[in-house]
Amino acid sequence: MNDPQTPFSSHLRELKRRLIHTALFFFVATGIALVFHRQILRWLLAPAEDLNRFTGGQAIFTDLTEFWGAVAKVSILAGLAATTPFILFQIARFASPGLKANERRWLWFLLPSSVISFALGVAFGYYVLLPPAMNFLLNFGGDIATPLIRIGSYVGLVTTLLFWLGAIFELPIVIFFLAKIGVVTPEWLAGKRKWVVVVAFVAGAMITPTFDPINQSLVAGPIIVLYELGYWLARIGVRRKSSGEVQAKAGT
């Protein structure tokens, strides 16, 4: 990308070409998701098995456009989720010519790792956190009020929850990257451990839709573990960086 032999106009043309390919990929992926929107919505609704007892477990909509708004939202989000690995691949291909060999190697390691981490966070939210959270929300006031859940509010809540859990699971990758470029140090990270516990439970209270400590702990626990994993990855990264600098100085 920063090759002095390549004209700047060539970089612009390449960037334009990759942006066009990314946009086309996104529109195709969104169109496919729109075709299969019923399957996607059923997948999102599955953790809430007893959603509305008077409607056979189906969600309801009280606005004429509410259902189509939910369809559009899940189609766009599914298209974006499918396009994200392609976007990262295009970024890596565009940036790699201007990077050093070791930087290129870390780039190709970090990008797929971030996608995998995000997917693990979504899977954790869907299979571990959502079922007990939905059970709590639907049954907590069952003796006083009967739930009739709208499809729009349900989709908004679930997609937001899954997104933030996916983002949280990228914490070790972010910490490792910041340590590699020298923004944070393992010593600094170790000194912040006690605050991580507090922040983890605050984040658990903000992310989870419930007020019970069990569901909040299901979010706070992984944040603490992921921070610790990021700390050890930072130690490994800084150690390798230091040894590489020593070898470089010895070579000169």
C-alpha atoms as a PDB file:
ATOM      1  CA  MET A   1       0.000   0.000   0.000  1.00  0.00           C
ATOM      2  CA  ASN A   2       2.904   2.402   0.825  1.00  0.00           C
ATOM      3  CA  ASP A   3       5.178   1.191  -1.937  1.00  0.00           C
ATOM      4  CA  PRO A   4       6.885   4.374  -3.286  1.00  0.00           C
ATOM      5  CA  GLN A   5       7.059   2.778  -6.728  1.00  0.00           C
ATOM      6  CA  THR A   6       3.265   2.612  -6.973  1.00  0.00           C
ATOM      7  CA  PRO A   7       1.452   5.828  -7.941  1.00  0.00           C
ATOM      8  CA  PHE A   8      -1.058   7.217  -5.451  1.00  0.00           C
ATOM      9  CA  SER A   9      -3.785   7.021  -8.103  1.00  0.00           C
ATOM     10  CA  SER A  10      -3.254   3.254  -8.257  1.00  0.00           C
ATOM     11  CA  HIS A  11      -3.891   3.017  -4.520  1.00  0.00           C
ATOM     12  CA  LEU A  12      -7.104   4.982  -4.946  1.00  0.00           C
ATOM     13  CA  ARG A  13      -8.255   2.729  -7.766  1.00  0.00           C
ATOM     14  CA  GLU A  14      -7.491  -0.360  -5.711  1.00  0.00           C
ATOM     15  CA  LEU A  15      -9.328   1.089  -2.704  1.00  0.00           C
ATOM     16  CA  LYS A  16     -12.328   1.952  -4.863  1.00  0.00           C
ATOM     17  CA  ARG A  17     -12.370  -1.550  -6.337  1.00  0.00           C
ATOM     18  CA  ARG A  18     -12.280  -3.174  -2.899  1.00  0.00           C
ATOM     19  CA  LEU A  19     -15.024  -0.870  -1.596  1.00  0.00           C
ATOM     20  CA  ILE A  20     -17.231  -1.748  -4.563  1.00  0.00           C
ATOM     21  CA  HIS A  21     -16.635  -5.468  -4.035  1.00  0.00           C
ATOM     22  CA  THR A  22     -17.432  -5.087  -0.324  1.00  0.00           C
ATOM     23  CA  ALA A  23     -20.654  -3.182  -1.043  1.00  0.00           C
ATOM     24  CA  LEU A  24     -21.754  -5.803  -3.573  1.00  0.00           C
ATOM     25  CA  PHE A  25     -20.986  -8.585  -1.106  1.00  0.00           C
ATOM     26  CA  PHE A  26     -23.019  -6.794   1.579  1.00  0.00           C
ATOM     27  CA  PHE A  27     -26.052  -6.294  -0.664  1.00  0.00           C
ATOM     28  CA  VAL A  28     -25.960  -9.923  -1.815  1.00  0.00           C
ATOM     29  CA  ALA A  29     -25.594 -11.196   1.762  1.00  0.00           C
ATOM     30  CA  THR A  30     -28.428  -8.940   2.946  1.00  0.00           C
ATOM     31  CA  GLY A  31     -30.629 -10.138   0.075  1.00  0.00           C
ATOM     32  CA  ILE A  32     -29.974 -13.770   0.983  1.00  0.00           C
ATOM     33  CA  ALA A  33     -30.751 -12.995   4.639  1.00  0.00           C
ATOM     34  CA  LEU A  34     -33.995 -11.333   3.540  1.00  0.00           C
ATOM     35  CA  VAL A  35     -34.996 -14.505   1.696  1.00  0.00           C
ATOM     36  CA  PHE A  36     -34.340 -16.570   4.836  1.00  0.00           C
ATOM     37  CA  HIS A  37     -35.671 -14.002   7.327  1.00  0.00           C
ATOM     38  CA  ARG A  38     -38.204 -16.455   8.768  1.00  0.00           C
ATOM     39  CA  GLN A  39     -35.466 -18.929   9.670  1.00  0.00           C
ATOM     40  CA  ILE A  40     -33.372 -16.144  11.214  1.00  0.00           C
ATOM     41  CA  LEU A  41     -36.281 -14.840  13.269  1.00  0.00           C
ATOM     42  CA  ARG A  42     -37.165 -18.345  14.463  1.00  0.00           C
ATOM     43  CA  TRP A  43     -33.517 -18.813  15.475  1.00  0.00           C
ATOM     44  CA  LEU A  44     -33.593 -15.571  17.475  1.00  0.00           C
ATOM     45  CA  LEU A  45     -36.910 -16.512  19.108  1.00  0.00           C
ATOM     46  CA  ALA A  46     -35.812 -20.039  20.052  1.00  0.00           C
ATOM     47  CA  PRO A  47     -34.284 -19.136  23.477  1.00  0.00           C
ATOM     48  CA  ALA A  48     -37.696 -17.810  24.579  1.00  0.00           C
ATOM     49  CA  GLU A  49     -39.688 -21.021  24.243  1.00  0.00           C
ATOM     50  CA  ASP A  50     -42.748 -19.780  26.151  1.00  0.00           C
ATOM     51  CA  LEU A  51     -42.776 -16.237  24.790  1.00  0.00           C
ATOM     52  CA  ASN A  52     -46.545 -15.546  24.706  1.00  0.00           C
ATOM     53  CA  ARG A  53     -48.789 -18.207  26.166  1.00  0.00           C
ATOM     54  CA  PHE A  54     -51.979 -16.831  24.592  1.00  0.00           C
ATOM     55  CA  THR A  55     -50.496 -16.804  21.071  1.00  0.00           C
ATOM     56  CA  GLY A  56     -48.941 -20.253  21.040  1.00  0.00           C
ATOM     57  CA  GLY A  57     -45.486 -18.919  21.858  1.00  0.00           C
ATOM     58  CA  GLN A  58     -45.417 -16.464  18.955  1.00  0.00           C
ATOM     59  CA  ALA A  59     -44.395 -12.839  19.282  1.00  0.00           C
ATOM     60  CA  ILE A  60     -46.911 -10.177  18.328  1.00  0.00           C
ATOM     61  CA  PHE A  61     -46.770  -6.857  16.494  1.00  0.00           C
ATOM     62  CA  THR A  62     -49.035  -3.908  17.260  1.00  0.00           C
ATOM     63  CA  ASP A  63     -47.981  -1.687  14.366  1.00  0.00           C
ATOM     64  CA  LEU A  64     -48.581  -2.448  10.707  1.00  0.00           C
ATOM     65  CA  THR A  65     -44.911  -1.864   9.863  1.00  0.00           C
ATOM     66  CA  GLU A  66     -43.390  -3.370  13.015  1.00  0.00           C
ATOM     67  CA  PHE A  67     -42.900  -6.866  11.644  1.00  0.00           C
ATOM     68  CA  TRP A  68     -41.305  -5.581   8.444  1.00  0.00           C
ATOM     69  CA  GLY A  69     -39.081  -3.325  10.525  1.00  0.00           C
ATOM     70  CA  ALA A  70     -37.879  -6.395  12.433  1.00  0.00           C
ATOM     71  CA  VAL A  71     -37.359  -8.273   9.157  1.00  0.00           C
ATOM     72  CA  ALA A  72     -35.316  -5.402   7.721  1.00  0.00           C
ATOM     73  CA  LYS A  73     -33.238  -5.130  10.893  1.00  0.00           C
ATOM     74  CA  VAL A  74     -32.314  -8.809  11.118  1.00  0.00           C
ATOM     75  CA  SER A  75     -31.624  -8.966   7.360  1.00  0.00           C
ATOM     76  CA  ILE A  76     -29.257  -5.995   7.482  1.00  0.00           C
ATOM     77  CA  LEU A  77     -27.527  -7.231  10.640  1.00  0.00           C
ATOM     78  CA  ALA A  78     -27.154 -10.738   9.189  1.00  0.00           C
ATOM     79  CA  GLY A  79     -25.776  -9.252   5.970  1.00  0.00           C
ATOM     80  CA  LEU A  80     -23.324  -7.134   7.964  1.00  0.00           C
ATOM     81  CA  ALA A  81     -22.254 -10.134  10.049  1.00  0.00           C
ATOM     82  CA  ALA A  82     -21.629 -12.178   6.898  1.00  0.00           C
ATOM     83  CA  THR A  83     -19.750  -9.284   5.277  1.00  0.00           C
ATOM     84  CA  THR A  84     -17.456  -8.517   8.234  1.00  0.00           C
ATOM     85  CA  PRO A  85     -14.927 -11.312   7.497  1.00  0.00           C
ATOM     86  CA  PHE A  86     -14.870 -10.170   3.861  1.00  0.00           C
ATOM     87  CA  ILE A  87     -14.285  -6.559   4.984  1.00  0.00           C
ATOM     88  CA  LEU A  88     -11.393  -7.622   7.203  1.00  0.00           C
ATOM     89  CA  PHE A  89      -9.929  -9.683   4.379  1.00  0.00           C
ATOM     90  CA  GLN A  90     -10.080  -6.676   2.037  1.00  0.00           C
ATOM     91  CA  ILE A  91      -8.417  -4.471   4.666  1.00  0.00           C
ATOM     92  CA  ALA A  92      -5.648  -7.019   5.124  1.00  0.00           C
ATOM     93  CA  ARG A  93      -5.075  -7.361   1.368  1.00  0.00           C
ATOM     94  CA  PHE A  94      -4.996  -3.573   0.920  1.00  0.00           C
ATOM     95  CA  ALA A  95      -2.668  -2.887   3.865  1.00  0.00           C
ATOM     96  CA  SER A  96      -0.302  -5.866   3.687  1.00  0.00           C
ATOM     97  CA  PRO A  97       1.984  -4.599   0.850  1.00  0.00           C
ATOM     98  CA  GLY A  98       3.000  -1.624   2.999  1.00  0.00           C
ATOM     99  CA  LEU A  99       3.756  -3.629   6.131  1.00  0.00           C
ATOM    100  CA  LYS A 100       6.900  -5.355   7.305  1.00  0.00           C
ATOM    101  CA  ALA A 101       7.017  -9.139   7.312  1.00  0.00           C
ATOM    102  CA  ASN A 102       6.403  -9.457  11.066  1.00  0.00           C
ATOM    103  CA  GLU A 103       3.619  -6.832  10.967  1.00  0.00           C
ATOM    104  CA  ARG A 104       1.971  -8.670   8.090  1.00  0.00           C
ATOM    105  CA  ARG A 105       2.149 -11.897  10.044  1.00  0.00           C
ATOM    106  CA  TRP A 106       0.426 -10.340  13.073  1.00  0.00           C
ATOM    107  CA  LEU A 107      -2.183  -8.731  10.841  1.00  0.00           C
ATOM    108  CA  TRP A 108      -3.189 -12.073   9.350  1.00  0.00           C
ATOM    109  CA  PHE A 109      -3.308 -13.532  12.857  1.00  0.00           C
ATOM    110  CA  LEU A 110      -5.340 -10.791  14.533  1.00  0.00           C
ATOM    111  CA  LEU A 111      -8.038 -10.325  11.886  1.00  0.00           C
ATOM    112  CA  PRO A 112      -9.377 -13.908  11.820  1.00  0.00           C
ATOM    113  CA  SER A 113      -8.898 -14.130  15.588  1.00  0.00           C
ATOM    114  CA  SER A 114     -11.171 -11.126  16.070  1.00  0.00           C
ATOM    115  CA  VAL A 115     -13.878 -12.744  13.908  1.00  0.00           C
ATOM    116  CA  ILE A 116     -13.639 -16.011  15.839  1.00  0.00           C
ATOM    117  CA  SER A 117     -13.735 -14.159  19.170  1.00  0.00           C
ATOM    118  CA  PHE A 118     -16.838 -12.223  18.134  1.00  0.00           C
ATOM    119  CA  ALA A 119     -18.558 -15.447  17.016  1.00  0.00           C
ATOM    120  CA  LEU A 120     -17.715 -17.095  20.344  1.00  0.00           C
ATOM    121  CA  GLY A 121     -19.252 -14.152  22.185  1.00  0.00           C
ATOM    122  CA  VAL A 122     -22.453 -14.408  20.149  1.00  0.00           C
ATOM    123  CA  ALA A 123     -22.598 -18.163  20.763  1.00  0.00           C
ATOM    124  CA  PHE A 124     -22.064 -17.640  24.502  1.00  0.00           C
ATOM    125  CA  GLY A 125     -24.880 -15.101  24.620  1.00  0.00           C
ATOM    126  CA  TYR A 126     -27.260 -17.236  22.589  1.00  0.00           C
ATOM    127  CA  TYR A 127     -26.698 -20.607  24.243  1.00  0.00           C
ATOM    128  CA  VAL A 128     -25.680 -19.655  27.802  1.00  0.00           C
ATOM    129  CA  LEU A 129     -27.054 -16.242  28.712  1.00  0.00           C
ATOM    130  CA  LEU A 130     -30.299 -15.827  26.749  1.00  0.00           C
ATOM    131  CA  PRO A 131     -32.241 -18.924  27.962  1.00  0.00           C
ATOM    132  CA  PRO A 132     -32.051 -18.131  31.704  1.00  0.00           C
ATOM    133  CA  ALA A 133     -32.480 -14.404  31.065  1.00  0.00           C
ATOM    134  CA  MET A 134     -35.632 -14.963  29.009  1.00  0.00           C
ATOM    135  CA  ASN A 135     -36.986 -17.419  31.547  1.00  0.00           C
ATOM    136  CA  PHE A 136     -36.484 -14.880  34.321  1.00  0.00           C
ATOM    137  CA  LEU A 137     -38.052 -12.001  32.401  1.00  0.00           C
ATOM    138  CA  LEU A 138     -41.081 -13.967  31.213  1.00  0.00           C
ATOM    139  CA  ASN A 139     -41.901 -15.647  34.523  1.00  0.00           C
ATOM    140  CA  PHE A 140     -40.871 -13.124  37.186  1.00  0.00           C
ATOM    141  CA  GLY A 141     -44.204 -11.276  37.183  1.00  0.00           C
ATOM    142  CA  GLY A 142     -46.373 -14.116  35.906  1.00  0.00           C
ATOM    143  CA  ASP A 143     -48.719 -13.976  38.894  1.00  0.00           C
ATOM    144  CA  ILE A 144     -49.403 -10.258  38.344  1.00  0.00           C
ATOM    145  CA  ALA A 145     -49.130  -9.569  34.593  1.00  0.00           C
ATOM    146  CA  THR A 146     -49.234 -11.669  31.440  1.00  0.00           C
ATOM    147  CA  PRO A 147     -46.484 -11.077  28.898  1.00  0.00           C
ATOM    148  CA  LEU A 148     -47.369 -10.225  25.303  1.00  0.00           C
ATOM    149  CA  ILE A 149     -43.986  -9.551  23.723  1.00  0.00           C
ATOM    150  CA  ARG A 150     -43.752  -7.498  20.532  1.00  0.00           C
ATOM    151  CA  ILE A 151     -41.446  -8.795  17.802  1.00  0.00           C
ATOM    152  CA  GLY A 152     -39.778  -5.395  17.408  1.00  0.00           C
ATOM    153  CA  SER A 153     -38.780  -5.030  21.058  1.00  0.00           C
ATOM    154  CA  TYR A 154     -37.628  -8.657  21.274  1.00  0.00           C
ATOM    155  CA  VAL A 155     -35.425  -8.454  18.178  1.00  0.00           C
ATOM    156  CA  GLY A 156     -33.962  -5.149  19.333  1.00  0.00           C
ATOM    157  CA  LEU A 157     -33.110  -6.517  22.779  1.00  0.00           C
ATOM    158  CA  VAL A 158     -31.635  -9.812  21.578  1.00  0.00           C
ATOM    159  CA  THR A 159     -29.530  -8.357  18.742  1.00  0.00           C
ATOM    160  CA  THR A 160     -28.143  -5.644  21.038  1.00  0.00           C
ATOM    161  CA  LEU A 161     -27.264  -8.203  23.695  1.00  0.00           C
ATOM    162  CA  LEU A 162     -25.565 -10.543  21.225  1.00  0.00           C
ATOM    163  CA  PHE A 163     -23.619  -7.670  19.641  1.00  0.00           C
ATOM    164  CA  TRP A 164     -22.166  -6.449  22.939  1.00  0.00           C
ATOM    165  CA  LEU A 165     -21.264  -9.953  24.043  1.00  0.00           C
ATOM    166  CA  GLY A 166     -19.479 -10.488  20.731  1.00  0.00           C
ATOM    167  CA  ALA A 167     -17.597  -7.214  21.235  1.00  0.00           C
ATOM    168  CA  ILE A 168     -16.650  -8.155  24.811  1.00  0.00           C
ATOM    169  CA  PHE A 169     -15.157 -11.450  23.669  1.00  0.00           C
ATOM    170  CA  GLU A 170     -12.700  -9.489  21.518  1.00  0.00           C
ATOM    171  CA  LEU A 171     -11.178  -7.989  24.687  1.00  0.00           C
ATOM    172  CA  PRO A 172      -8.084 -10.292  24.735  1.00  0.00           C
ATOM    173  CA  ILE A 173      -7.320  -9.448  21.087  1.00  0.00           C
ATOM    174  CA  VAL A 174      -7.617  -5.716  21.794  1.00  0.00           C
ATOM    175  CA  ILE A 175      -5.409  -5.932  24.887  1.00  0.00           C
ATOM    176  CA  PHE A 176      -2.804  -7.973  23.028  1.00  0.00           C
ATOM    177  CA  PHE A 177      -2.743  -5.473  20.146  1.00  0.00           C
ATOM    178  CA  LEU A 178      -2.417  -2.473  22.505  1.00  0.00           C
ATOM    179  CA  ALA A 179       0.462  -4.183  24.285  1.00  0.00           C
ATOM    180  CA  LYS A 180       2.203  -4.960  20.984  1.00  0.00           C
ATOM    181  CA  ILE A 181       2.140  -1.298  19.926  1.00  0.00           C
ATOM    182  CA  GLY A 182       3.178  -0.093  23.375  1.00  0.00           C
ATOM    183  CA  VAL A 183      -0.028   1.631  24.503  1.00  0.00           C
ATOM    184  CA  VAL A 184      -0.336  -0.574  27.614  1.00  0.00           C
ATOM    185  CA  THR A 185       2.105  -2.751  29.534  1.00  0.00           C
ATOM    186  CA  PRO A 186       1.551  -6.020  31.439  1.00  0.00           C
ATOM    187  CA  GLU A 187       2.466  -4.207  34.651  1.00  0.00           C
ATOM    188  CA  TRP A 188      -0.223  -1.597  34.050  1.00  0.00           C
ATOM    189  CA  LEU A 189      -2.770  -4.303  33.260  1.00  0.00           C
ATOM    190  CA  ALA A 190      -1.888  -6.219  36.428  1.00  0.00           C
ATOM    191  CA  GLY A 191      -2.447  -3.091  38.512  1.00  0.00           C
ATOM    192  CA  LYS A 192      -5.979  -2.667  37.148  1.00  0.00           C
ATOM    193  CA  ARG A 193      -7.237  -6.134  38.078  1.00  0.00           C
ATOM    194  CA  LYS A 194      -9.253  -4.979  41.085  1.00  0.00           C
ATOM    195  CA  TRP A 195     -11.029  -2.365  38.972  1.00  0.00           C
ATOM    196  CA  VAL A 196     -11.817  -4.917  36.277  1.00  0.00           C
ATOM    197  CA  VAL A 197     -14.021  -6.821  38.726  1.00  0.00           C
ATOM    198  CA  VAL A 198     -16.047  -3.673  39.459  1.00  0.00           C
ATOM    199  CA  VAL A 199     -16.290  -2.693  35.778  1.00  0.00           C
ATOM    200  CA  ALA A 200     -17.252  -6.273  34.846  1.00  0.00           C
ATOM    201  CA  PHE A 201     -20.273  -6.273  37.162  1.00  0.00           C
ATOM    202  CA  VAL A 202     -21.283  -2.776  36.083  1.00  0.00           C
ATOM    203  CA  ALA A 203     -21.095  -3.927  32.452  1.00  0.00           C
ATOM    204  CA  GLY A 204     -23.055  -7.060  33.371  1.00  0.00           C
ATOM    205  CA  ALA A 205     -25.795  -4.900  34.882  1.00  0.00           C
ATOM    206  CA  MET A 206     -25.908  -2.679  31.780  1.00  0.00           C
ATOM    207  CA  ILE A 207     -25.795  -5.450  29.168  1.00  0.00           C
ATOM    208  CA  THR A 208     -28.150  -8.003  30.676  1.00  0.00           C
ATOM    209  CA  PRO A 209     -31.858  -7.210  30.482  1.00  0.00           C
ATOM    210  CA  THR A 210     -32.466  -8.605  33.977  1.00  0.00           C
ATOM    211  CA  PHE A 211     -31.713  -7.411  37.497  1.00  0.00           C
ATOM    212  CA  ASP A 212     -30.903 -10.761  39.076  1.00  0.00           C
ATOM    213  CA  PRO A 213     -27.248 -11.312  40.105  1.00  0.00           C
ATOM    214  CA  ILE A 214     -27.035 -14.728  38.431  1.00  0.00           C
ATOM    215  CA  ASN A 215     -27.480 -13.432  34.891  1.00  0.00           C
ATOM    216  CA  GLN A 216     -25.245 -10.449  35.621  1.00  0.00           C
ATOM    217  CA  SER A 217     -22.561 -12.827  36.876  1.00  0.00           C
ATOM    218  CA  LEU A 218     -22.850 -14.793  33.625  1.00  0.00           C
ATOM    219  CA  VAL A 219     -21.596 -11.653  31.873  1.00  0.00           C
ATOM    220  CA  ALA A 220     -19.197 -10.382  34.537  1.00  0.00           C
ATOM    221  CA  GLY A 221     -17.421 -13.738  34.924  1.00  0.00           C
ATOM    222  CA  PRO A 222     -16.346 -14.032  31.269  1.00  0.00           C
ATOM    223  CA  ILE A 223     -15.207 -10.378  31.232  1.00  0.00           C
ATOM    224  CA  ILE A 224     -12.864 -11.052  34.162  1.00  0.00           C
ATOM    225  CA  VAL A 225     -11.571 -14.253  32.547  1.00  0.00           C
ATOM    226  CA  LEU A 226     -11.124 -12.541  29.180  1.00  0.00           C
ATOM    227  CA  TYR A 227      -9.205  -9.672  30.781  1.00  0.00           C
ATOM    228  CA  GLU A 228      -6.906 -12.169  32.469  1.00  0.00           C
ATOM    229  CA  LEU A 229      -6.402 -13.947  29.152  1.00  0.00           C
ATOM    230  CA  GLY A 230      -5.592 -10.604  27.542  1.00  0.00           C
ATOM    231  CA  TYR A 231      -3.047  -9.916  30.285  1.00  0.00           C
ATOM    232  CA  TRP A 232      -1.185 -13.171  29.637  1.00  0.00           C
ATOM    233  CA  LEU A 233      -1.319 -12.609  25.874  1.00  0.00           C
ATOM    234  CA  ALA A 234       0.125  -9.131  26.476  1.00  0.00           C
ATOM    235  CA  ARG A 235       2.980 -10.631  28.484  1.00  0.00           C
ATOM    236  CA  ILE A 236       3.736 -13.073  25.685  1.00  0.00           C
ATOM    237  CA  GLY A 237       3.536 -10.324  23.063  1.00  0.00           C
ATOM    238  CA  VAL A 238       5.812  -7.938  24.953  1.00  0.00           C
ATOM    239  CA  ARG A 239       8.328 -10.710  25.650  1.00  0.00           C
ATOM    240  CA  ARG A 240       8.500 -11.648  21.959  1.00  0.00           C
ATOM    241  CA  LYS A 241       8.769  -7.991  20.989  1.00  0.00           C
ATOM    242  CA  SER A 242      11.665  -7.463  23.389  1.00  0.00           C
ATOM    243  CA  SER A 243      13.509 -10.572  22.181  1.00  0.00           C
ATOM    244  CA  GLY A 244      13.011  -9.470  18.575  1.00  0.00           C
ATOM    245  CA  GLU A 245      14.484  -6.034  19.326  1.00  0.00           C
ATOM    246  CA  VAL A 246      17.482  -7.625  21.044  1.00  0.00           C
ATOM    247  CA  GLN A 247      18.108  -9.862  18.008  1.00  0.00           C
ATOM    248  CA  ALA A 248      17.781  -6.889  15.672  1.00  0.00           C
ATOM    249  CA  LYS A 249      20.347  -4.898  17.661  1.00  0.00           C
ATOM    250  CA  ALA A 250      22.676  -7.903  17.751  1.00  0.00           C
ATOM    251  CA  GLY A 251      22.385  -8.228  13.984  1.00  0.00           C
ATOM    252  CA  THR A 252      23.459  -4.633  13.476  1.00  0.00           C
END
